[in-house]
Amino acid sequence: MLLCLDGELITELEDDRSFTLSAGHSYQVADQAEAHRSSTRLGATLFIVD
């Protein structure tokens, strides 16, 4: 699980979809999930549970 505490995180999926995670929002990534990459333009503070 990944929770954005502050700022924003942009996640791009292998199929070209893109999602912006802002403060207070979260998502889960499962094993065998499609490839993705994340970046930030403004910075982000994240809480990650592995």
N, C-alpha and C. Protein backbone atom coordinates (compact mmCIF):
# COMPACT_ATOMS: atom_id res chain seq x y z
N MET A 1 0.84 -1.17 0.00
CA MET A 1 0.00 0.00 0.00
C MET A 1 0.89 1.23 0.00
N LEU A 2 0.47 2.23 -0.72
CA LEU A 2 1.20 3.49 -0.80
C LEU A 2 0.20 4.61 -0.51
N LEU A 3 0.52 5.45 0.48
CA LEU A 3 -0.33 6.58 0.86
C LEU A 3 0.45 7.86 0.67
N CYS A 4 -0.11 8.81 -0.04
CA CYS A 4 0.51 10.11 -0.24
C CYS A 4 0.12 11.01 0.92
N LEU A 5 1.10 11.45 1.70
CA LEU A 5 0.83 12.32 2.85
C LEU A 5 0.88 13.79 2.46
N ASP A 6 1.71 14.13 1.47
CA ASP A 6 1.87 15.52 1.06
C ASP A 6 2.41 15.56 -0.37
N GLY A 7 2.06 16.58 -1.13
CA GLY A 7 2.54 16.72 -2.50
C GLY A 7 1.73 15.86 -3.45
N GLU A 8 2.39 15.42 -4.55
CA GLU A 8 1.70 14.55 -5.50
C GLU A 8 2.69 13.64 -6.20
N LEU A 9 2.21 12.47 -6.59
CA LEU A 9 3.01 11.45 -7.25
C LEU A 9 2.29 11.05 -8.53
N ILE A 10 3.01 11.05 -9.63
CA ILE A 10 2.44 10.67 -10.93
C ILE A 10 2.91 9.26 -11.25
N THR A 11 1.96 8.37 -11.51
CA THR A 11 2.28 6.99 -11.86
C THR A 11 1.83 6.72 -13.28
N GLU A 12 2.76 6.23 -14.10
CA GLU A 12 2.48 5.89 -15.50
C GLU A 12 2.53 4.38 -15.64
N LEU A 13 1.46 3.80 -16.24
CA LEU A 13 1.39 2.36 -16.45
C LEU A 13 1.92 2.00 -17.83
N GLU A 14 2.24 0.74 -17.99
CA GLU A 14 2.80 0.24 -19.25
C GLU A 14 1.88 0.51 -20.45
N ASP A 15 0.57 0.55 -20.21
CA ASP A 15 -0.38 0.76 -21.31
C ASP A 15 -0.65 2.25 -21.57
N ASP A 16 0.20 3.14 -21.03
CA ASP A 16 0.15 4.59 -21.23
C ASP A 16 -0.90 5.32 -20.39
N ARG A 17 -1.63 4.62 -19.53
CA ARG A 17 -2.52 5.32 -18.61
C ARG A 17 -1.65 6.02 -17.55
N SER A 18 -2.15 7.13 -17.03
CA SER A 18 -1.42 7.91 -16.03
C SER A 18 -2.37 8.31 -14.91
N PHE A 19 -1.89 8.25 -13.66
CA PHE A 19 -2.69 8.61 -12.49
C PHE A 19 -1.89 9.55 -11.61
N THR A 20 -2.54 10.54 -11.04
CA THR A 20 -1.88 11.45 -10.11
C THR A 20 -2.43 11.20 -8.72
N LEU A 21 -1.54 10.88 -7.81
CA LEU A 21 -1.88 10.61 -6.42
C LEU A 21 -1.58 11.87 -5.61
N SER A 22 -2.59 12.44 -4.97
CA SER A 22 -2.38 13.65 -4.17
C SER A 22 -2.57 13.32 -2.69
N ALA A 23 -2.26 14.28 -1.85
CA ALA A 23 -2.31 14.07 -0.39
C ALA A 23 -3.65 13.48 0.04
N GLY A 24 -3.57 12.42 0.85
CA GLY A 24 -4.78 11.77 1.36
C GLY A 24 -5.25 10.59 0.52
N HIS A 25 -4.66 10.40 -0.65
CA HIS A 25 -5.06 9.29 -1.53
C HIS A 25 -4.03 8.16 -1.47
N SER A 26 -4.50 6.94 -1.76
CA SER A 26 -3.62 5.78 -1.69
C SER A 26 -3.94 4.80 -2.81
N TYR A 27 -3.03 3.84 -3.01
CA TYR A 27 -3.32 2.73 -3.91
C TYR A 27 -2.53 1.51 -3.47
N GLN A 28 -2.94 0.37 -3.95
CA GLN A 28 -2.28 -0.89 -3.65
C GLN A 28 -1.72 -1.48 -4.93
N VAL A 29 -0.56 -2.12 -4.82
CA VAL A 29 0.05 -2.81 -5.95
C VAL A 29 0.20 -4.27 -5.56
N ALA A 30 -0.27 -5.16 -6.40
CA ALA A 30 -0.21 -6.59 -6.12
C ALA A 30 0.95 -7.23 -6.89
N ASP A 31 1.35 -8.39 -6.44
CA ASP A 31 2.33 -9.17 -7.21
C ASP A 31 1.75 -9.44 -8.59
N GLN A 32 2.60 -9.49 -9.57
CA GLN A 32 2.20 -9.76 -10.96
C GLN A 32 1.42 -8.61 -11.59
N ALA A 33 1.46 -7.41 -10.99
CA ALA A 33 0.77 -6.25 -11.57
C ALA A 33 1.55 -5.75 -12.78
N GLU A 34 0.88 -4.99 -13.66
CA GLU A 34 1.57 -4.50 -14.85
C GLU A 34 2.67 -3.51 -14.48
N ALA A 35 3.64 -3.40 -15.36
CA ALA A 35 4.78 -2.52 -15.12
C ALA A 35 4.33 -1.07 -14.97
N HIS A 36 5.00 -0.33 -14.09
CA HIS A 36 4.67 1.07 -13.88
C HIS A 36 5.93 1.82 -13.44
N ARG A 37 5.87 3.13 -13.54
CA ARG A 37 6.94 3.98 -13.02
C ARG A 37 6.28 5.22 -12.40
N SER A 38 6.92 5.74 -11.38
CA SER A 38 6.37 6.90 -10.68
C SER A 38 7.39 8.02 -10.65
N SER A 39 6.89 9.25 -10.68
CA SER A 39 7.75 10.43 -10.61
C SER A 39 6.97 11.56 -9.95
N THR A 40 7.67 12.64 -9.66
CA THR A 40 7.01 13.80 -9.06
C THR A 40 7.65 15.08 -9.59
N ARG A 41 6.85 16.09 -9.77
CA ARG A 41 7.36 17.40 -10.17
C ARG A 41 7.43 18.34 -8.97
N LEU A 42 6.54 18.13 -8.00
CA LEU A 42 6.45 19.02 -6.84
C LEU A 42 7.07 18.43 -5.59
N GLY A 43 7.39 17.15 -5.61
CA GLY A 43 7.84 16.44 -4.43
C GLY A 43 6.66 15.74 -3.78
N ALA A 44 6.94 14.73 -3.00
CA ALA A 44 5.88 13.98 -2.32
C ALA A 44 6.43 13.34 -1.06
N THR A 45 5.60 13.29 -0.03
CA THR A 45 5.91 12.54 1.17
C THR A 45 4.98 11.34 1.17
N LEU A 46 5.58 10.14 1.19
CA LEU A 46 4.80 8.90 1.05
C LEU A 46 4.93 8.03 2.27
N PHE A 47 3.90 7.28 2.58
CA PHE A 47 3.91 6.23 3.59
C PHE A 47 3.72 4.93 2.83
N ILE A 48 4.72 4.04 2.90
CA ILE A 48 4.68 2.79 2.11
C ILE A 48 4.71 1.60 3.06
N VAL A 49 3.76 0.69 2.86
CA VAL A 49 3.72 -0.56 3.61
C VAL A 49 3.98 -1.67 2.62
N ASP A 50 5.03 -2.43 2.85
CA ASP A 50 5.42 -3.50 1.94
C ASP A 50 4.99 -4.84 2.48
